[in-house]
């Protein structure tokens, strides 16, 4: 698991929840010994997430109490605009023992440098202008994330939690880059995460070049939801 570790609310849409099942199916093998990966993948793929609790008895204990599944959506265009700005900020809290969804955080964010979303961005993410107009700034959203983390007990030093992302872009590039641009601090809990692509590669022995699509195919999982929706991608990882 150490090799996989990087250092460096509003109403929650219902379509996020079923896709979280895919995240669990993908995440668990990374927390296990490599020899367990294919066994657990077959169990979860054949029985579905609803029956995965029956297989829990065979899982070694998890290192973390909670997995915080996260995926940003940001302003974009072709050619790419600079700087990009986060416009959707979703987090799903999974219990590391039961793999139950215990809480969710989801907010849209008002972009300030490029306040008008491009047609390309809307087509890619499904986020329309009215969904970000009048929404809190990134600074305000980060403050609410911290309040949510505290309310959920995730800031307790005795509670071990870790963010989970599909790739390093979200927490290695996007968030620190925008915070630097705006002169905002980055909370320490955003400075380490599990890259699900590396977790998959560790468990399955191959690198998912096409991200979630390859991981779903490798685990015989059907893709659910919209690929480039932060709230949907976090649950579907990604």
C-alpha atoms as a PDB file:
ATOM      1  CA  UNK A   1       0.000   0.000   0.000  1.00  0.00           C
ATOM      2  CA  UNK A   2       2.914   2.324   0.716  1.00  0.00           C
ATOM      3  CA  UNK A   3       3.949   2.207  -2.928  1.00  0.00           C
ATOM      4  CA  UNK A   4       0.508   3.494  -3.887  1.00  0.00           C
ATOM      5  CA  UNK A   5       0.560   6.444  -1.509  1.00  0.00           C
ATOM      6  CA  UNK A   6       1.410   9.893  -2.846  1.00  0.00           C
ATOM      7  CA  UNK A   7       2.500  12.790  -0.710  1.00  0.00           C
ATOM      8  CA  UNK A   8       3.081  15.993  -2.094  1.00  0.00           C
ATOM      9  CA  UNK A   9     -22.919  20.476   1.651  1.00  0.00           C
ATOM     10  CA  UNK A  10     -24.990  20.760  -1.106  1.00  0.00           C
ATOM     11  CA  UNK A  11     -27.640  18.290  -2.298  1.00  0.00           C
ATOM     12  CA  UNK A  12     -25.912  15.135  -3.522  1.00  0.00           C
ATOM     13  CA  UNK A  13     -27.001  13.835  -6.951  1.00  0.00           C
ATOM     14  CA  UNK A  14     -28.354  10.310  -6.705  1.00  0.00           C
ATOM     15  CA  UNK A  15     -26.572   9.113  -9.832  1.00  0.00           C
ATOM     16  CA  UNK A  16     -23.281   9.325  -7.912  1.00  0.00           C
ATOM     17  CA  UNK A  17     -24.166   6.516  -5.510  1.00  0.00           C
ATOM     18  CA  UNK A  18     -24.346   3.519  -7.877  1.00  0.00           C
ATOM     19  CA  UNK A  19     -21.085   4.514  -9.486  1.00  0.00           C
ATOM     20  CA  UNK A  20     -19.443   4.415  -6.061  1.00  0.00           C
ATOM     21  CA  UNK A  21     -19.823   0.672  -6.227  1.00  0.00           C
ATOM     22  CA  UNK A  22     -17.320   0.636  -9.061  1.00  0.00           C
ATOM     23  CA  UNK A  23     -14.891   2.647  -6.965  1.00  0.00           C
ATOM     24  CA  UNK A  24     -15.118   0.061  -4.196  1.00  0.00           C
ATOM     25  CA  UNK A  25     -14.538  -2.794  -6.620  1.00  0.00           C
ATOM     26  CA  UNK A  26     -11.464  -1.048  -7.963  1.00  0.00           C
ATOM     27  CA  UNK A  27     -10.117   0.239  -4.667  1.00  0.00           C
ATOM     28  CA  UNK A  28     -10.175  -2.868  -2.530  1.00  0.00           C
ATOM     29  CA  UNK A  29      -7.538  -4.907  -4.369  1.00  0.00           C
ATOM     30  CA  UNK A  30      -5.026  -2.111  -3.814  1.00  0.00           C
ATOM     31  CA  UNK A  31      -5.394  -2.471  -0.074  1.00  0.00           C
ATOM     32  CA  UNK A  32      -4.737  -6.187  -0.168  1.00  0.00           C
ATOM     33  CA  UNK A  33      -1.808  -8.444  -0.791  1.00  0.00           C
ATOM     34  CA  UNK A  34      -1.196  -8.793  -4.491  1.00  0.00           C
ATOM     35  CA  UNK A  35      -2.276 -12.436  -4.447  1.00  0.00           C
ATOM     36  CA  UNK A  36      -5.758 -11.444  -3.313  1.00  0.00           C
ATOM     37  CA  UNK A  37      -6.377  -9.063  -6.195  1.00  0.00           C
ATOM     38  CA  UNK A  38      -7.770 -11.429  -8.807  1.00  0.00           C
ATOM     39  CA  UNK A  39      -9.753 -13.419  -6.239  1.00  0.00           C
ATOM     40  CA  UNK A  40     -11.532 -10.366  -4.859  1.00  0.00           C
ATOM     41  CA  UNK A  41     -12.062  -8.896  -8.306  1.00  0.00           C
ATOM     42  CA  UNK A  42     -13.826 -12.091  -9.375  1.00  0.00           C
ATOM     43  CA  UNK A  43     -15.948 -12.104  -6.231  1.00  0.00           C
ATOM     44  CA  UNK A  44     -17.050  -8.501  -6.609  1.00  0.00           C
ATOM     45  CA  UNK A  45     -17.578  -8.764 -10.357  1.00  0.00           C
ATOM     46  CA  UNK A  46     -19.604 -11.969 -10.120  1.00  0.00           C
ATOM     47  CA  UNK A  47     -21.709 -11.105  -7.086  1.00  0.00           C
ATOM     48  CA  UNK A  48     -22.007  -7.331  -7.432  1.00  0.00           C
ATOM     49  CA  UNK A  49     -21.392  -4.761  -4.727  1.00  0.00           C
ATOM     50  CA  UNK A  50     -24.571  -5.693  -2.898  1.00  0.00           C
ATOM     51  CA  UNK A  51     -23.166  -9.125  -2.152  1.00  0.00           C
ATOM     52  CA  UNK A  52     -19.626  -7.962  -1.515  1.00  0.00           C
ATOM     53  CA  UNK A  53     -20.177  -7.861   2.236  1.00  0.00           C
ATOM     54  CA  UNK A  54     -20.418 -11.639   2.168  1.00  0.00           C
ATOM     55  CA  UNK A  55     -16.877 -11.688   0.856  1.00  0.00           C
ATOM     56  CA  UNK A  56     -15.611  -9.204   3.430  1.00  0.00           C
ATOM     57  CA  UNK A  57     -14.672 -11.962   5.839  1.00  0.00           C
ATOM     58  CA  UNK A  58     -11.817 -12.922   3.514  1.00  0.00           C
ATOM     59  CA  UNK A  59     -10.389  -9.400   3.331  1.00  0.00           C
ATOM     60  CA  UNK A  60      -7.325  -8.517   5.405  1.00  0.00           C
ATOM     61  CA  UNK A  61      -7.872  -5.459   7.655  1.00  0.00           C
ATOM     62  CA  UNK A  62      -7.674  -2.098   5.883  1.00  0.00           C
ATOM     63  CA  UNK A  63      -4.969   0.374   6.854  1.00  0.00           C
ATOM     64  CA  UNK A  64      -7.361   3.316   6.699  1.00  0.00           C
ATOM     65  CA  UNK A  65     -10.591   3.903   8.561  1.00  0.00           C
ATOM     66  CA  UNK A  66     -12.001   5.887   5.651  1.00  0.00           C
ATOM     67  CA  UNK A  67     -11.415   6.285   1.919  1.00  0.00           C
ATOM     68  CA  UNK A  68     -12.354   9.736   0.562  1.00  0.00           C
ATOM     69  CA  UNK A  69     -13.122   9.344  -3.133  1.00  0.00           C
ATOM     70  CA  UNK A  70     -12.610  12.614  -4.981  1.00  0.00           C
ATOM     71  CA  UNK A  71     -12.787  13.893  -8.545  1.00  0.00           C
ATOM     72  CA  UNK A  72     -12.733  17.489  -9.772  1.00  0.00           C
ATOM     73  CA  UNK A  73     -14.191  18.985 -12.888  1.00  0.00           C
ATOM     74  CA  UNK A  74     -12.578  22.181 -14.132  1.00  0.00           C
ATOM     75  CA  UNK A  75     -12.978  24.869 -16.761  1.00  0.00           C
ATOM     76  CA  UNK A  76     -11.605  23.719 -20.093  1.00  0.00           C
ATOM     77  CA  UNK A  77     -11.570  24.348 -23.813  1.00  0.00           C
ATOM     78  CA  UNK A  78      -9.700  23.478 -27.002  1.00  0.00           C
ATOM     79  CA  UNK A  79      -7.032  24.780 -27.027  1.00  0.00           C
ATOM     80  CA  UNK A  80      -6.805  24.577 -23.248  1.00  0.00           C
ATOM     81  CA  UNK A  81      -7.483  27.723 -21.226  1.00  0.00           C
ATOM     82  CA  UNK A  82      -5.154  28.893 -18.456  1.00  0.00           C
ATOM     83  CA  UNK A  83      -5.523  28.854 -15.618  1.00  0.00           C
ATOM     84  CA  UNK A  84      -8.073  26.111 -15.278  1.00  0.00           C
ATOM     85  CA  UNK A  85     -10.462  26.485 -12.342  1.00  0.00           C
ATOM     86  CA  UNK A  86     -12.305  23.850 -10.339  1.00  0.00           C
ATOM     87  CA  UNK A  87     -16.045  24.033 -10.964  1.00  0.00           C
ATOM     88  CA  UNK A  88     -17.218  20.833  -9.238  1.00  0.00           C
ATOM     89  CA  UNK A  89     -15.904  19.553  -5.906  1.00  0.00           C
ATOM     90  CA  UNK A  90     -17.240  16.114  -4.841  1.00  0.00           C
ATOM     91  CA  UNK A  91     -16.087  13.793  -2.036  1.00  0.00           C
ATOM     92  CA  UNK A  92     -17.540  10.445  -1.071  1.00  0.00           C
ATOM     93  CA  UNK A  93     -16.663   8.986   2.361  1.00  0.00           C
ATOM     94  CA  UNK A  94     -16.366   5.192   2.399  1.00  0.00           C
ATOM     95  CA  UNK A  95     -15.965   3.218   5.605  1.00  0.00           C
ATOM     96  CA  UNK A  96     -12.743   1.213   5.257  1.00  0.00           C
ATOM     97  CA  UNK A  97     -14.143  -1.693   7.255  1.00  0.00           C
ATOM     98  CA  UNK A  98     -17.673  -2.041   5.924  1.00  0.00           C
ATOM     99  CA  UNK A  99     -17.229  -0.249   2.579  1.00  0.00           C
ATOM    100  CA  UNK A 100     -20.521   1.507   3.253  1.00  0.00           C
ATOM    101  CA  UNK A 101     -21.046   5.068   2.031  1.00  0.00           C
ATOM    102  CA  UNK A 102     -21.289   7.084   5.229  1.00  0.00           C
ATOM    103  CA  UNK A 103     -21.342  10.663   3.991  1.00  0.00           C
ATOM    104  CA  UNK A 104     -20.949  12.818   0.913  1.00  0.00           C
ATOM    105  CA  UNK A 105     -19.816  16.329   0.115  1.00  0.00           C
ATOM    106  CA  UNK A 106     -20.686  18.042  -3.145  1.00  0.00           C
ATOM    107  CA  UNK A 107     -20.552  21.653  -4.253  1.00  0.00           C
ATOM    108  CA  UNK A 108     -20.247  23.537  -7.508  1.00  0.00           C
ATOM    109  CA  UNK A 109     -17.690  26.343  -7.598  1.00  0.00           C
ATOM    110  CA  UNK A 110     -17.885  29.766  -9.238  1.00  0.00           C
ATOM    111  CA  UNK A 111     -14.930  30.300 -11.603  1.00  0.00           C
ATOM    112  CA  UNK A 112     -13.515  33.821 -11.437  1.00  0.00           C
ATOM    113  CA  UNK A 113     -10.771  34.072 -14.069  1.00  0.00           C
ATOM    114  CA  UNK A 114     -12.908  32.555 -16.822  1.00  0.00           C
ATOM    115  CA  UNK A 115     -16.414  32.908 -15.365  1.00  0.00           C
ATOM    116  CA  UNK A 116     -18.165  31.932 -18.593  1.00  0.00           C
ATOM    117  CA  UNK A 117     -18.112  28.194 -19.295  1.00  0.00           C
ATOM    118  CA  UNK A 118     -17.201  27.262 -22.843  1.00  0.00           C
ATOM    119  CA  UNK A 119     -19.464  25.075 -24.980  1.00  0.00           C
ATOM    120  CA  UNK A 120     -16.687  22.466 -24.969  1.00  0.00           C
ATOM    121  CA  UNK A 121     -16.649  22.420 -21.162  1.00  0.00           C
ATOM    122  CA  UNK A 122     -20.413  22.037 -20.924  1.00  0.00           C
ATOM    123  CA  UNK A 123     -20.455  19.275 -23.513  1.00  0.00           C
ATOM    124  CA  UNK A 124     -17.640  17.410 -21.771  1.00  0.00           C
ATOM    125  CA  UNK A 125     -18.805  17.742 -18.157  1.00  0.00           C
ATOM    126  CA  UNK A 126     -22.549  18.304 -18.418  1.00  0.00           C
ATOM    127  CA  UNK A 127     -22.146  21.388 -16.231  1.00  0.00           C
ATOM    128  CA  UNK A 128     -24.116  24.365 -17.526  1.00  0.00           C
ATOM    129  CA  UNK A 129     -23.608  28.029 -16.709  1.00  0.00           C
ATOM    130  CA  UNK A 130     -26.516  28.176 -14.290  1.00  0.00           C
ATOM    131  CA  UNK A 131     -24.938  25.470 -12.137  1.00  0.00           C
ATOM    132  CA  UNK A 132     -21.888  27.615 -11.325  1.00  0.00           C
ATOM    133  CA  UNK A 133     -23.291  31.142 -11.412  1.00  0.00           C
ATOM    134  CA  UNK A 134     -23.678  32.485  -7.900  1.00  0.00           C
ATOM    135  CA  UNK A 135     -21.943  29.491  -6.328  1.00  0.00           C
ATOM    136  CA  UNK A 136     -19.257  29.887  -3.630  1.00  0.00           C
ATOM    137  CA  UNK A 137     -15.674  30.687  -4.564  1.00  0.00           C
ATOM    138  CA  UNK A 138     -12.980  28.031  -4.218  1.00  0.00           C
ATOM    139  CA  UNK A 139     -11.848  29.620  -0.955  1.00  0.00           C
ATOM    140  CA  UNK A 140     -15.369  29.346   0.457  1.00  0.00           C
ATOM    141  CA  UNK A 141     -15.741  25.763  -0.754  1.00  0.00           C
ATOM    142  CA  UNK A 142     -12.435  24.775   0.857  1.00  0.00           C
ATOM    143  CA  UNK A 143     -13.662  26.271   4.117  1.00  0.00           C
ATOM    144  CA  UNK A 144     -16.816  24.168   3.860  1.00  0.00           C
ATOM    145  CA  UNK A 145     -14.762  21.074   3.072  1.00  0.00           C
ATOM    146  CA  UNK A 146     -12.807  21.662   6.269  1.00  0.00           C
ATOM    147  CA  UNK A 147     -16.050  22.069   8.219  1.00  0.00           C
ATOM    148  CA  UNK A 148     -17.359  18.813   6.706  1.00  0.00           C
ATOM    149  CA  UNK A 149     -14.115  16.992   7.502  1.00  0.00           C
ATOM    150  CA  UNK A 150     -14.361  18.158  11.115  1.00  0.00           C
ATOM    151  CA  UNK A 151     -18.038  17.219  11.396  1.00  0.00           C
ATOM    152  CA  UNK A 152     -17.284  13.742  10.061  1.00  0.00           C
ATOM    153  CA  UNK A 153     -14.484  13.232  12.588  1.00  0.00           C
ATOM    154  CA  UNK A 154     -11.869  13.049   9.847  1.00  0.00           C
ATOM    155  CA  UNK A 155      -9.610  15.632  11.500  1.00  0.00           C
ATOM    156  CA  UNK A 156      -9.253  13.493  14.625  1.00  0.00           C
ATOM    157  CA  UNK A 157      -5.579  12.389  14.778  1.00  0.00           C
ATOM    158  CA  UNK A 158      -6.684   8.885  15.750  1.00  0.00           C
ATOM    159  CA  UNK A 159      -8.794   8.539  12.582  1.00  0.00           C
ATOM    160  CA  UNK A 160      -6.876   7.421   9.509  1.00  0.00           C
ATOM    161  CA  UNK A 161      -8.308   8.562   6.193  1.00  0.00           C
ATOM    162  CA  UNK A 162      -6.902   8.940   2.696  1.00  0.00           C
ATOM    163  CA  UNK A 163      -8.127  10.552  -0.499  1.00  0.00           C
ATOM    164  CA  UNK A 164      -8.567   8.357  -3.562  1.00  0.00           C
ATOM    165  CA  UNK A 165      -8.296   9.770  -7.081  1.00  0.00           C
ATOM    166  CA  UNK A 166      -8.064   8.354 -10.586  1.00  0.00           C
ATOM    167  CA  UNK A 167      -4.634   9.683 -11.467  1.00  0.00           C
ATOM    168  CA  UNK A 168      -2.548  12.427  -9.884  1.00  0.00           C
ATOM    169  CA  UNK A 169      -4.041  15.440 -11.663  1.00  0.00           C
ATOM    170  CA  UNK A 170      -6.648  16.376  -9.040  1.00  0.00           C
ATOM    171  CA  UNK A 171      -4.394  16.725  -6.006  1.00  0.00           C
ATOM    172  CA  UNK A 172      -0.935  17.033  -7.552  1.00  0.00           C
ATOM    173  CA  UNK A 173      -1.741  19.544 -10.289  1.00  0.00           C
ATOM    174  CA  UNK A 174      -5.227  21.073 -10.217  1.00  0.00           C
ATOM    175  CA  UNK A 175      -5.866  21.950  -6.577  1.00  0.00           C
ATOM    176  CA  UNK A 176      -2.353  23.104  -5.617  1.00  0.00           C
ATOM    177  CA  UNK A 177      -2.014  24.986  -8.905  1.00  0.00           C
ATOM    178  CA  UNK A 178      -5.232  26.931  -8.445  1.00  0.00           C
ATOM    179  CA  UNK A 179      -4.496  27.563  -4.771  1.00  0.00           C
ATOM    180  CA  UNK A 180      -1.082  28.932  -5.700  1.00  0.00           C
ATOM    181  CA  UNK A 181      -2.649  31.184  -8.328  1.00  0.00           C
ATOM    182  CA  UNK A 182      -5.182  32.500  -5.789  1.00  0.00           C
ATOM    183  CA  UNK A 183      -2.752  32.681  -2.882  1.00  0.00           C
ATOM    184  CA  UNK A 184      -4.636  30.075  -0.846  1.00  0.00           C
ATOM    185  CA  UNK A 185      -3.090  27.471   1.464  1.00  0.00           C
ATOM    186  CA  UNK A 186      -3.541  23.760   0.735  1.00  0.00           C
ATOM    187  CA  UNK A 187      -4.667  21.728   3.742  1.00  0.00           C
ATOM    188  CA  UNK A 188      -2.331  18.907   4.750  1.00  0.00           C
ATOM    189  CA  UNK A 189      -5.019  16.272   4.220  1.00  0.00           C
ATOM    190  CA  UNK A 190      -4.958  17.060   0.494  1.00  0.00           C
ATOM    191  CA  UNK A 191      -1.227  16.305   0.277  1.00  0.00           C
ATOM    192  CA  UNK A 192      -1.420  12.531   0.243  1.00  0.00           C
ATOM    193  CA  UNK A 193      -3.652  10.250  -1.761  1.00  0.00           C
ATOM    194  CA  UNK A 194      -4.041   6.871  -3.422  1.00  0.00           C
ATOM    195  CA  UNK A 195      -3.824   6.924  -7.206  1.00  0.00           C
ATOM    196  CA  UNK A 196      -6.410   4.351  -8.248  1.00  0.00           C
ATOM    197  CA  UNK A 197      -4.587   3.706 -11.515  1.00  0.00           C
ATOM    198  CA  UNK A 198      -1.528   2.604  -9.550  1.00  0.00           C
ATOM    199  CA  UNK A 199      -3.737   0.559  -7.239  1.00  0.00           C
ATOM    200  CA  UNK A 200      -5.224  -1.218 -10.235  1.00  0.00           C
ATOM    201  CA  UNK A 201      -1.814  -1.747 -11.789  1.00  0.00           C
ATOM    202  CA  UNK A 202      -0.493  -3.170  -8.518  1.00  0.00           C
ATOM    203  CA  UNK A 203      -3.389  -5.610  -8.220  1.00  0.00           C
ATOM    204  CA  UNK A 204      -3.875  -6.559 -11.865  1.00  0.00           C
ATOM    205  CA  UNK A 205      -0.380  -6.298 -13.315  1.00  0.00           C
ATOM    206  CA  UNK A 206      -1.191  -3.871 -16.138  1.00  0.00           C
ATOM    207  CA  UNK A 207      -1.445  -0.090 -16.462  1.00  0.00           C
ATOM    208  CA  UNK A 208      -4.912   1.286 -17.388  1.00  0.00           C
ATOM    209  CA  UNK A 209      -3.937   3.635 -20.219  1.00  0.00           C
ATOM    210  CA  UNK A 210      -7.537   4.739 -20.713  1.00  0.00           C
ATOM    211  CA  UNK A 211      -8.260   5.151 -17.022  1.00  0.00           C
ATOM    212  CA  UNK A 212     -11.629   4.005 -15.766  1.00  0.00           C
ATOM    213  CA  UNK A 213     -12.634   2.455 -19.080  1.00  0.00           C
ATOM    214  CA  UNK A 214      -9.662   0.085 -18.988  1.00  0.00           C
ATOM    215  CA  UNK A 215     -10.148  -0.659 -15.284  1.00  0.00           C
ATOM    216  CA  UNK A 216     -13.813  -1.474 -15.799  1.00  0.00           C
ATOM    217  CA  UNK A 217     -12.931  -3.746 -18.702  1.00  0.00           C
ATOM    218  CA  UNK A 218     -10.180  -5.471 -16.733  1.00  0.00           C
ATOM    219  CA  UNK A 219     -12.553  -6.176 -13.850  1.00  0.00           C
ATOM    220  CA  UNK A 220     -15.543  -7.038 -16.055  1.00  0.00           C
ATOM    221  CA  UNK A 221     -17.505  -4.096 -14.692  1.00  0.00           C
ATOM    222  CA  UNK A 222     -20.136  -2.188 -16.624  1.00  0.00           C
ATOM    223  CA  UNK A 223     -19.549   1.555 -16.807  1.00  0.00           C
ATOM    224  CA  UNK A 224     -22.289   3.545 -15.058  1.00  0.00           C
ATOM    225  CA  UNK A 225     -22.996   7.246 -15.411  1.00  0.00           C
ATOM    226  CA  UNK A 226     -21.283  10.089 -17.233  1.00  0.00           C
ATOM    227  CA  UNK A 227     -17.474   9.769 -17.564  1.00  0.00           C
ATOM    228  CA  UNK A 228     -16.703  13.493 -17.200  1.00  0.00           C
ATOM    229  CA  UNK A 229     -18.990  14.409 -14.349  1.00  0.00           C
ATOM    230  CA  UNK A 230     -17.126  15.096 -11.114  1.00  0.00           C
ATOM    231  CA  UNK A 231     -19.843  13.667  -8.932  1.00  0.00           C
ATOM    232  CA  UNK A 232     -20.371  10.732 -11.232  1.00  0.00           C
ATOM    233  CA  UNK A 233     -16.699  10.174 -11.918  1.00  0.00           C
ATOM    234  CA  UNK A 234     -15.784  10.145  -8.246  1.00  0.00           C
ATOM    235  CA  UNK A 235     -18.262   7.385  -7.630  1.00  0.00           C
ATOM    236  CA  UNK A 236     -17.310   5.483 -10.744  1.00  0.00           C
ATOM    237  CA  UNK A 237     -13.640   6.234 -10.164  1.00  0.00           C
ATOM    238  CA  UNK A 238     -13.604   8.309 -12.528  1.00  0.00           C
END
